[in-house]
Amino acid sequence: MAHYIVGDIQGCALELKQLLAKVNFKPQFDQLWCVGDLVGRGPDSLATIQFLQRLGDAVKIVLGNHDLNLLSVLLNVREADPRDKLDAIIALPDLEKQQLITWLVQQPLMRQIDDQVVISHAGVYPWWTVAQAQTYANEVSQALQQAWQQNTLGEFLQSMYGNEPNIWSNDLCGPERIRFIINAFTRMRFCDQEGHLNFSAKTSPAEQTADADLVPWFELWDIDRATLVFGHWAALMGKTHREDVIGLDTGCVWGNRLTLLHWPSGKRSSVAAKV
């Protein structure tokens, strides 16, 4: 079985299909791992989701911030941003929307391939071990699914939003604890040496001049036996300057390219954006 990990798709369904054809992906033998942000600013988020769902067990997904935003839109917690081009999903019949919600809430914040590769959308908070991160990701998954089952998902999603707390403490509890875990897994880019997350800086590290105390989270990640693979940060264009921390968001939705990583060879394949 071949494992392929793809960067942020963000509704670029055509490029995804072309990229899988390029590597001769076969769902009966191979697995596709998605680093999150299946939907977003690309031209066809609905086609992306439908294609991935048809792959069945051949696809493994972690949630990104845009995927959580889609849940909030479908639950009427937030108005859809026209730039996200979600109209086709919003126009689905109610039953299909409910099926999509059910599918999304079952997706975790973090996955591992054979204990060798850790996959999450934005990365892993540097003050957590891989084992701790998995525990916290599982905690959120359980809370998310419980909220769906108890018909309180709207309230869960509403309490998810906010930038505080911006530093981890084992004493965090309730919505604040859940909020920090979700933010770390889906929105993290820069942080300071003490562990405070910054959500306003979104440029590449070379362009970040507003706050000299901020560094990319992965510069503070200790060497571990596991390889971390993440997306989210298009401005990096995949450049982390580390072999054990791999960025796969290469900005297809912004006119650059969609990138796929074969594991364990590390070979990368890509296709140029079509829009």
C-alpha atoms as a PDB file:
ATOM      1  CA  MET A   1       0.000   0.000   0.000  1.00  0.00           C
ATOM      2  CA  ALA A   2       1.267   3.453  -0.968  1.00  0.00           C
ATOM      3  CA  HIS A   3       0.533   6.440   1.254  1.00  0.00           C
ATOM      4  CA  TYR A   4       0.057   9.862  -0.362  1.00  0.00           C
ATOM      5  CA  ILE A   5      -0.360  13.053   1.688  1.00  0.00           C
ATOM      6  CA  VAL A   6      -1.868  16.053  -0.072  1.00  0.00           C
ATOM      7  CA  GLY A   7      -1.692  19.699   0.915  1.00  0.00           C
ATOM      8  CA  ASP A   8      -4.595  22.128   1.284  1.00  0.00           C
ATOM      9  CA  ILE A   9      -7.090  21.420  -1.512  1.00  0.00           C
ATOM     10  CA  GLN A  10      -9.447  24.330  -0.750  1.00  0.00           C
ATOM     11  CA  GLY A  11     -11.979  23.408  -3.395  1.00  0.00           C
ATOM     12  CA  CYS A  12      -9.462  22.835  -6.203  1.00  0.00           C
ATOM     13  CA  ALA A  13     -11.130  19.590  -7.303  1.00  0.00           C
ATOM     14  CA  LEU A  14      -9.724  19.552 -10.835  1.00  0.00           C
ATOM     15  CA  GLU A  15      -6.130  19.887  -9.645  1.00  0.00           C
ATOM     16  CA  LEU A  16      -6.669  17.150  -7.046  1.00  0.00           C
ATOM     17  CA  LYS A  17      -7.918  14.704  -9.665  1.00  0.00           C
ATOM     18  CA  GLN A  18      -5.067  15.575 -12.019  1.00  0.00           C
ATOM     19  CA  LEU A  19      -2.514  15.145  -9.261  1.00  0.00           C
ATOM     20  CA  LEU A  20      -3.846  11.717  -8.279  1.00  0.00           C
ATOM     21  CA  ALA A  21      -3.851  10.658 -11.917  1.00  0.00           C
ATOM     22  CA  LYS A  22      -0.260  11.858 -12.226  1.00  0.00           C
ATOM     23  CA  VAL A  23       0.897   9.455  -9.496  1.00  0.00           C
ATOM     24  CA  ASN A  24      -1.442   6.678 -10.701  1.00  0.00           C
ATOM     25  CA  PHE A  25      -3.327   6.651  -7.406  1.00  0.00           C
ATOM     26  CA  LYS A  26      -5.483   3.546  -7.041  1.00  0.00           C
ATOM     27  CA  PRO A  27      -7.983   3.657  -4.161  1.00  0.00           C
ATOM     28  CA  GLN A  28      -8.215  -0.123  -3.942  1.00  0.00           C
ATOM     29  CA  PHE A  29      -4.498  -0.269  -3.090  1.00  0.00           C
ATOM     30  CA  ASP A  30      -3.412   3.217  -1.943  1.00  0.00           C
ATOM     31  CA  GLN A  31      -4.389   5.684   0.757  1.00  0.00           C
ATOM     32  CA  LEU A  32      -4.784   9.439   0.454  1.00  0.00           C
ATOM     33  CA  TRP A  33      -4.194  11.532   3.569  1.00  0.00           C
ATOM     34  CA  CYS A  34      -5.493  15.119   3.540  1.00  0.00           C
ATOM     35  CA  VAL A  35      -3.982  17.800   5.789  1.00  0.00           C
ATOM     36  CA  GLY A  36      -7.258  19.714   6.057  1.00  0.00           C
ATOM     37  CA  ASP A  37      -8.942  22.671   4.386  1.00  0.00           C
ATOM     38  CA  LEU A  38     -10.758  20.519   1.869  1.00  0.00           C
ATOM     39  CA  VAL A  39     -12.994  23.503   1.155  1.00  0.00           C
ATOM     40  CA  GLY A  40     -12.302  27.190   0.972  1.00  0.00           C
ATOM     41  CA  ARG A  41     -11.614  29.776  -1.656  1.00  0.00           C
ATOM     42  CA  GLY A  42     -11.268  27.433  -4.645  1.00  0.00           C
ATOM     43  CA  PRO A  43     -13.802  27.021  -7.456  1.00  0.00           C
ATOM     44  CA  ASP A  44     -15.491  23.752  -6.468  1.00  0.00           C
ATOM     45  CA  SER A  45     -15.623  22.774  -2.823  1.00  0.00           C
ATOM     46  CA  LEU A  46     -18.695  20.578  -3.339  1.00  0.00           C
ATOM     47  CA  ALA A  47     -16.999  18.519  -6.060  1.00  0.00           C
ATOM     48  CA  THR A  48     -13.945  18.151  -3.818  1.00  0.00           C
ATOM     49  CA  ILE A  49     -15.975  16.752  -0.941  1.00  0.00           C
ATOM     50  CA  GLN A  50     -18.020  14.469  -3.165  1.00  0.00           C
ATOM     51  CA  PHE A  51     -14.895  13.097  -4.820  1.00  0.00           C
ATOM     52  CA  LEU A  52     -13.204  12.418  -1.484  1.00  0.00           C
ATOM     53  CA  GLN A  53     -16.314  10.758  -0.089  1.00  0.00           C
ATOM     54  CA  ARG A  54     -16.452   8.438  -3.094  1.00  0.00           C
ATOM     55  CA  LEU A  55     -12.940   7.248  -2.230  1.00  0.00           C
ATOM     56  CA  GLY A  56     -14.370   5.758   0.963  1.00  0.00           C
ATOM     57  CA  ASP A  57     -11.829   4.107   3.232  1.00  0.00           C
ATOM     58  CA  ALA A  58      -9.009   5.051   0.851  1.00  0.00           C
ATOM     59  CA  VAL A  59      -9.060   8.620   2.160  1.00  0.00           C
ATOM     60  CA  LYS A  60      -8.083   9.847   5.642  1.00  0.00           C
ATOM     61  CA  ILE A  61      -8.762  13.445   6.627  1.00  0.00           C
ATOM     62  CA  VAL A  62      -7.900  15.867   9.395  1.00  0.00           C
ATOM     63  CA  LEU A  63      -9.982  18.970   9.920  1.00  0.00           C
ATOM     64  CA  GLY A  64      -8.692  22.409   9.002  1.00  0.00           C
ATOM     65  CA  ASN A  65     -10.021  25.831   9.931  1.00  0.00           C
ATOM     66  CA  HIS A  66     -11.990  26.111   6.674  1.00  0.00           C
ATOM     67  CA  ASP A  67     -13.634  22.732   7.298  1.00  0.00           C
ATOM     68  CA  LEU A  68     -14.705  23.841  10.765  1.00  0.00           C
ATOM     69  CA  ASN A  69     -15.959  27.076   9.238  1.00  0.00           C
ATOM     70  CA  LEU A  70     -18.084  25.057   6.833  1.00  0.00           C
ATOM     71  CA  LEU A  71     -19.643  23.273   9.799  1.00  0.00           C
ATOM     72  CA  SER A  72     -20.427  26.647  11.353  1.00  0.00           C
ATOM     73  CA  VAL A  73     -22.044  27.843   8.120  1.00  0.00           C
ATOM     74  CA  LEU A  74     -24.138  24.680   7.798  1.00  0.00           C
ATOM     75  CA  LEU A  75     -25.273  25.029  11.427  1.00  0.00           C
ATOM     76  CA  ASN A  76     -26.124  28.740  10.878  1.00  0.00           C
ATOM     77  CA  VAL A  77     -23.550  29.776  13.451  1.00  0.00           C
ATOM     78  CA  ARG A  78     -21.805  31.985  10.902  1.00  0.00           C
ATOM     79  CA  GLU A  79     -22.733  33.641   7.649  1.00  0.00           C
ATOM     80  CA  ALA A  80     -20.883  32.300   4.634  1.00  0.00           C
ATOM     81  CA  ASP A  81     -18.107  34.545   3.340  1.00  0.00           C
ATOM     82  CA  PRO A  82     -18.740  35.019  -0.410  1.00  0.00           C
ATOM     83  CA  ARG A  83     -15.015  34.568  -0.997  1.00  0.00           C
ATOM     84  CA  ASP A  84     -15.309  30.977   0.237  1.00  0.00           C
ATOM     85  CA  LYS A  85     -17.607  30.016  -2.654  1.00  0.00           C
ATOM     86  CA  LEU A  86     -19.749  27.664  -0.588  1.00  0.00           C
ATOM     87  CA  ASP A  87     -23.032  28.382  -2.391  1.00  0.00           C
ATOM     88  CA  ALA A  88     -23.284  24.928  -3.985  1.00  0.00           C
ATOM     89  CA  ILE A  89     -22.901  23.240  -0.605  1.00  0.00           C
ATOM     90  CA  ILE A  90     -25.352  25.585   1.103  1.00  0.00           C
ATOM     91  CA  ALA A  91     -27.892  24.838  -1.666  1.00  0.00           C
ATOM     92  CA  LEU A  92     -27.814  21.075  -0.993  1.00  0.00           C
ATOM     93  CA  PRO A  93     -31.049  19.460   0.199  1.00  0.00           C
ATOM     94  CA  ASP A  94     -31.321  19.299   3.977  1.00  0.00           C
ATOM     95  CA  LEU A  95     -30.744  15.536   4.099  1.00  0.00           C
ATOM     96  CA  GLU A  96     -27.484  15.838   2.135  1.00  0.00           C
ATOM     97  CA  LYS A  97     -26.339  18.685   4.366  1.00  0.00           C
ATOM     98  CA  GLN A  98     -27.034  16.574   7.436  1.00  0.00           C
ATOM     99  CA  GLN A  99     -25.044  13.712   5.925  1.00  0.00           C
ATOM    100  CA  LEU A 100     -22.150  16.082   5.226  1.00  0.00           C
ATOM    101  CA  ILE A 101     -22.213  17.386   8.807  1.00  0.00           C
ATOM    102  CA  THR A 102     -22.201  13.828  10.125  1.00  0.00           C
ATOM    103  CA  TRP A 103     -19.202  13.002   7.937  1.00  0.00           C
ATOM    104  CA  LEU A 104     -17.251  16.092   8.956  1.00  0.00           C
ATOM    105  CA  VAL A 105     -17.759  15.706  12.713  1.00  0.00           C
ATOM    106  CA  GLN A 106     -16.267  12.233  12.491  1.00  0.00           C
ATOM    107  CA  GLN A 107     -12.965  13.588  11.147  1.00  0.00           C
ATOM    108  CA  PRO A 108     -10.192  14.182  13.726  1.00  0.00           C
ATOM    109  CA  LEU A 109      -7.677  16.990  14.219  1.00  0.00           C
ATOM    110  CA  MET A 110      -4.686  14.654  14.027  1.00  0.00           C
ATOM    111  CA  ARG A 111      -3.802  11.306  12.473  1.00  0.00           C
ATOM    112  CA  GLN A 112      -0.718   9.109  12.432  1.00  0.00           C
ATOM    113  CA  ILE A 113       0.664   6.744   9.815  1.00  0.00           C
ATOM    114  CA  ASP A 114       2.303   3.720  11.450  1.00  0.00           C
ATOM    115  CA  ASP A 115       3.535   5.887  14.353  1.00  0.00           C
ATOM    116  CA  GLN A 116       6.061   7.412  11.943  1.00  0.00           C
ATOM    117  CA  VAL A 117       4.137  10.324  10.492  1.00  0.00           C
ATOM    118  CA  VAL A 118       1.934  12.819  12.341  1.00  0.00           C
ATOM    119  CA  ILE A 119      -0.569  14.698  10.190  1.00  0.00           C
ATOM    120  CA  SER A 120      -2.465  17.796  11.306  1.00  0.00           C
ATOM    121  CA  HIS A 121      -3.621  20.963   9.619  1.00  0.00           C
ATOM    122  CA  ALA A 122      -1.469  23.668  11.203  1.00  0.00           C
ATOM    123  CA  GLY A 123       1.107  21.578  13.082  1.00  0.00           C
ATOM    124  CA  VAL A 124       1.691  20.444  16.645  1.00  0.00           C
ATOM    125  CA  TYR A 125       2.060  22.891  19.524  1.00  0.00           C
ATOM    126  CA  PRO A 126       5.773  22.739  20.438  1.00  0.00           C
ATOM    127  CA  TRP A 127       5.110  22.367  24.164  1.00  0.00           C
ATOM    128  CA  TRP A 128       3.227  19.100  23.587  1.00  0.00           C
ATOM    129  CA  THR A 129       4.661  15.693  22.885  1.00  0.00           C
ATOM    130  CA  VAL A 130       3.148  13.674  20.056  1.00  0.00           C
ATOM    131  CA  ALA A 131       1.413  11.477  22.614  1.00  0.00           C
ATOM    132  CA  GLN A 132      -0.046  14.506  24.405  1.00  0.00           C
ATOM    133  CA  ALA A 133      -1.148  16.056  21.117  1.00  0.00           C
ATOM    134  CA  GLN A 134      -2.967  12.864  20.161  1.00  0.00           C
ATOM    135  CA  THR A 135      -4.716  12.806  23.526  1.00  0.00           C
ATOM    136  CA  TYR A 136      -5.868  16.420  23.137  1.00  0.00           C
ATOM    137  CA  ALA A 137      -6.986  15.841  19.544  1.00  0.00           C
ATOM    138  CA  ASN A 138      -9.026  12.845  20.703  1.00  0.00           C
ATOM    139  CA  GLU A 139     -10.533  14.977  23.458  1.00  0.00           C
ATOM    140  CA  VAL A 140     -11.837  17.479  20.917  1.00  0.00           C
ATOM    141  CA  SER A 141     -13.140  14.736  18.620  1.00  0.00           C
ATOM    142  CA  GLN A 142     -15.119  13.217  21.474  1.00  0.00           C
ATOM    143  CA  ALA A 143     -16.545  16.600  22.451  1.00  0.00           C
ATOM    144  CA  LEU A 144     -17.428  17.428  18.833  1.00  0.00           C
ATOM    145  CA  GLN A 145     -19.217  14.151  18.238  1.00  0.00           C
ATOM    146  CA  GLN A 146     -20.996  14.325  21.574  1.00  0.00           C
ATOM    147  CA  ALA A 147     -22.252  17.814  20.742  1.00  0.00           C
ATOM    148  CA  TRP A 148     -23.602  16.521  17.431  1.00  0.00           C
ATOM    149  CA  GLN A 149     -25.357  13.604  19.103  1.00  0.00           C
ATOM    150  CA  GLN A 150     -26.848  15.850  21.787  1.00  0.00           C
ATOM    151  CA  ASN A 151     -27.974  18.486  19.288  1.00  0.00           C
ATOM    152  CA  THR A 152     -25.675  21.119  20.812  1.00  0.00           C
ATOM    153  CA  LEU A 153     -23.202  21.364  17.943  1.00  0.00           C
ATOM    154  CA  GLY A 154     -24.175  24.965  17.229  1.00  0.00           C
ATOM    155  CA  GLU A 155     -23.275  26.014  20.756  1.00  0.00           C
ATOM    156  CA  PHE A 156     -20.019  24.041  20.556  1.00  0.00           C
ATOM    157  CA  LEU A 157     -19.013  25.797  17.346  1.00  0.00           C
ATOM    158  CA  GLN A 158     -20.007  29.227  18.661  1.00  0.00           C
ATOM    159  CA  SER A 159     -17.770  28.783  21.708  1.00  0.00           C
ATOM    160  CA  MET A 160     -14.911  27.605  19.486  1.00  0.00           C
ATOM    161  CA  TYR A 161     -14.215  31.096  18.134  1.00  0.00           C
ATOM    162  CA  GLY A 162     -11.750  33.496  19.721  1.00  0.00           C
ATOM    163  CA  ASN A 163      -8.020  34.078  20.165  1.00  0.00           C
ATOM    164  CA  GLU A 164      -7.890  33.553  23.927  1.00  0.00           C
ATOM    165  CA  PRO A 165      -6.395  31.788  25.715  1.00  0.00           C
ATOM    166  CA  ASN A 166      -3.291  32.010  23.544  1.00  0.00           C
ATOM    167  CA  ILE A 167      -1.007  29.889  25.736  1.00  0.00           C
ATOM    168  CA  TRP A 168      -1.462  26.342  26.974  1.00  0.00           C
ATOM    169  CA  SER A 169      -2.013  25.391  30.582  1.00  0.00           C
ATOM    170  CA  ASN A 170      -2.919  21.977  31.915  1.00  0.00           C
ATOM    171  CA  ASP A 171      -5.424  23.798  34.095  1.00  0.00           C
ATOM    172  CA  LEU A 172      -7.514  24.945  31.125  1.00  0.00           C
ATOM    173  CA  CYS A 173     -10.986  23.461  31.120  1.00  0.00           C
ATOM    174  CA  GLY A 174     -14.312  23.743  29.370  1.00  0.00           C
ATOM    175  CA  PRO A 175     -14.678  25.843  26.209  1.00  0.00           C
ATOM    176  CA  GLU A 176     -11.353  27.623  26.775  1.00  0.00           C
ATOM    177  CA  ARG A 177      -9.476  24.323  26.764  1.00  0.00           C
ATOM    178  CA  ILE A 178     -11.269  23.113  23.621  1.00  0.00           C
ATOM    179  CA  ARG A 179     -10.732  26.484  21.924  1.00  0.00           C
ATOM    180  CA  PHE A 180      -6.987  26.464  22.511  1.00  0.00           C
ATOM    181  CA  ILE A 181      -6.590  22.889  21.269  1.00  0.00           C
ATOM    182  CA  ILE A 182      -8.556  23.628  18.096  1.00  0.00           C
ATOM    183  CA  ASN A 183      -6.648  26.857  17.484  1.00  0.00           C
ATOM    184  CA  ALA A 184      -3.300  25.109  17.909  1.00  0.00           C
ATOM    185  CA  PHE A 185      -4.198  22.359  15.457  1.00  0.00           C
ATOM    186  CA  THR A 186      -5.927  24.519  12.850  1.00  0.00           C
ATOM    187  CA  ARG A 187      -4.720  28.148  13.069  1.00  0.00           C
ATOM    188  CA  MET A 188      -1.174  28.153  14.455  1.00  0.00           C
ATOM    189  CA  ARG A 189       1.670  29.796  12.549  1.00  0.00           C
ATOM    190  CA  PHE A 190       3.847  31.987  14.777  1.00  0.00           C
ATOM    191  CA  CYS A 191       4.427  31.859  18.511  1.00  0.00           C
ATOM    192  CA  ASP A 192       6.887  33.315  20.995  1.00  0.00           C
ATOM    193  CA  GLN A 193       9.477  31.505  23.075  1.00  0.00           C
ATOM    194  CA  GLU A 194       7.099  31.208  26.035  1.00  0.00           C
ATOM    195  CA  GLY A 195       4.348  29.525  24.050  1.00  0.00           C
ATOM    196  CA  HIS A 196       1.934  32.354  23.216  1.00  0.00           C
ATOM    197  CA  LEU A 197       0.272  31.824  19.841  1.00  0.00           C
ATOM    198  CA  ASN A 198      -0.071  34.769  17.471  1.00  0.00           C
ATOM    199  CA  PHE A 199      -2.980  34.645  15.025  1.00  0.00           C
ATOM    200  CA  SER A 200      -2.463  37.915  13.172  1.00  0.00           C
ATOM    201  CA  ALA A 201       0.900  37.248  11.483  1.00  0.00           C
ATOM    202  CA  LYS A 202       0.347  35.215   8.314  1.00  0.00           C
ATOM    203  CA  THR A 203       3.298  36.099   6.102  1.00  0.00           C
ATOM    204  CA  SER A 204       6.361  33.982   5.436  1.00  0.00           C
ATOM    205  CA  PRO A 205       8.955  34.015   8.254  1.00  0.00           C
ATOM    206  CA  ALA A 206      11.280  36.150   6.116  1.00  0.00           C
ATOM    207  CA  GLU A 207       8.583  38.805   5.739  1.00  0.00           C
ATOM    208  CA  GLN A 208       7.493  38.834   9.374  1.00  0.00           C
ATOM    209  CA  THR A 209       8.944  42.039  10.797  1.00  0.00           C
ATOM    210  CA  ALA A 210       6.159  43.308  13.050  1.00  0.00           C
ATOM    211  CA  ASP A 211       7.271  41.428  16.159  1.00  0.00           C
ATOM    212  CA  ALA A 212      10.847  40.255  16.612  1.00  0.00           C
ATOM    213  CA  ASP A 213       9.804  37.846  19.385  1.00  0.00           C
ATOM    214  CA  LEU A 214       7.691  35.733  17.034  1.00  0.00           C
ATOM    215  CA  VAL A 215       9.098  32.594  15.391  1.00  0.00           C
ATOM    216  CA  PRO A 216       7.486  29.857  13.291  1.00  0.00           C
ATOM    217  CA  TRP A 217       6.135  27.161  15.580  1.00  0.00           C
ATOM    218  CA  PHE A 218       8.251  24.460  13.916  1.00  0.00           C
ATOM    219  CA  GLU A 219      11.492  26.201  14.849  1.00  0.00           C
ATOM    220  CA  LEU A 220      10.634  25.390  18.465  1.00  0.00           C
ATOM    221  CA  TRP A 221       9.695  21.768  17.791  1.00  0.00           C
ATOM    222  CA  ASP A 222      12.246  19.352  19.262  1.00  0.00           C
ATOM    223  CA  ILE A 223      13.601  16.587  17.070  1.00  0.00           C
ATOM    224  CA  ASP A 224      11.333  13.568  17.426  1.00  0.00           C
ATOM    225  CA  ARG A 225      11.282  10.130  15.893  1.00  0.00           C
ATOM    226  CA  ALA A 226       8.033  11.069  14.140  1.00  0.00           C
ATOM    227  CA  THR A 227       7.839  13.266  11.055  1.00  0.00           C
ATOM    228  CA  LEU A 228       5.277  16.080  11.236  1.00  0.00           C
ATOM    229  CA  VAL A 229       3.306  16.923   8.085  1.00  0.00           C
ATOM    230  CA  PHE A 230       1.049  19.972   7.989  1.00  0.00           C
ATOM    231  CA  GLY A 231      -0.590  22.485   5.652  1.00  0.00           C
ATOM    232  CA  HIS A 232      -2.363  25.785   6.422  1.00  0.00           C
ATOM    233  CA  TRP A 233       0.578  28.140   5.806  1.00  0.00           C
ATOM    234  CA  ALA A 234       0.605  28.894   2.077  1.00  0.00           C
ATOM    235  CA  ALA A 235       3.137  31.698   2.459  1.00  0.00           C
ATOM    236  CA  LEU A 236       5.760  29.107   3.428  1.00  0.00           C
ATOM    237  CA  MET A 237       5.391  27.361   0.059  1.00  0.00           C
ATOM    238  CA  GLY A 238       6.468  24.213   1.896  1.00  0.00           C
ATOM    239  CA  LYS A 239       9.793  25.598   3.092  1.00  0.00           C
ATOM    240  CA  THR A 240      10.476  24.656   6.706  1.00  0.00           C
ATOM    241  CA  HIS A 241      14.223  23.940   6.270  1.00  0.00           C
ATOM    242  CA  ARG A 242      13.701  20.732   8.253  1.00  0.00           C
ATOM    243  CA  GLU A 243      13.442  17.164   7.035  1.00  0.00           C
ATOM    244  CA  ASP A 244      11.294  16.085   9.983  1.00  0.00           C
ATOM    245  CA  VAL A 245       8.703  18.883   9.643  1.00  0.00           C
ATOM    246  CA  ILE A 246       7.104  19.011   6.204  1.00  0.00           C
ATOM    247  CA  GLY A 247       4.813  21.770   4.953  1.00  0.00           C
ATOM    248  CA  LEU A 248       2.514  20.820   2.073  1.00  0.00           C
ATOM    249  CA  ASP A 249       0.390  23.925   1.503  1.00  0.00           C
ATOM    250  CA  THR A 250       1.831  25.338  -1.704  1.00  0.00           C
ATOM    251  CA  GLY A 251      -0.998  27.750  -2.416  1.00  0.00           C
ATOM    252  CA  CYS A 252      -2.942  26.109  -5.227  1.00  0.00           C
ATOM    253  CA  VAL A 253      -5.962  28.242  -4.410  1.00  0.00           C
ATOM    254  CA  TRP A 254      -3.757  31.347  -4.759  1.00  0.00           C
ATOM    255  CA  GLY A 255      -2.597  30.387  -8.240  1.00  0.00           C
ATOM    256  CA  ASN A 256       0.495  28.366  -7.319  1.00  0.00           C
ATOM    257  CA  ARG A 257       0.303  24.553  -7.146  1.00  0.00           C
ATOM    258  CA  LEU A 258      -1.129  21.562  -5.338  1.00  0.00           C
ATOM    259  CA  THR A 259       1.456  19.243  -3.804  1.00  0.00           C
ATOM    260  CA  LEU A 260       1.376  15.558  -2.916  1.00  0.00           C
ATOM    261  CA  LEU A 261       3.949  13.685  -0.823  1.00  0.00           C
ATOM    262  CA  HIS A 262       4.580   9.956  -1.206  1.00  0.00           C
ATOM    263  CA  TRP A 263       5.460   8.221   2.035  1.00  0.00           C
ATOM    264  CA  PRO A 264       7.948   6.800   2.923  1.00  0.00           C
ATOM    265  CA  SER A 265      10.008   7.819  -0.125  1.00  0.00           C
ATOM    266  CA  GLY A 266       9.431  11.542   0.493  1.00  0.00           C
ATOM    267  CA  LYS A 267       8.984  12.158  -3.224  1.00  0.00           C
ATOM    268  CA  ARG A 268       6.833  15.187  -3.976  1.00  0.00           C
ATOM    269  CA  SER A 269       4.601  15.644  -6.986  1.00  0.00           C
ATOM    270  CA  SER A 270       2.629  18.728  -7.930  1.00  0.00           C
ATOM    271  CA  VAL A 271       0.342  20.253 -10.536  1.00  0.00           C
ATOM    272  CA  ALA A 272      -0.073  23.935 -11.320  1.00  0.00           C
ATOM    273  CA  ALA A 273      -3.277  25.750 -10.432  1.00  0.00           C
ATOM    274  CA  LYS A 274      -5.791  25.987 -13.232  1.00  0.00           C
ATOM    275  CA  VAL A 275      -7.423  29.204 -12.071  1.00  0.00           C
END
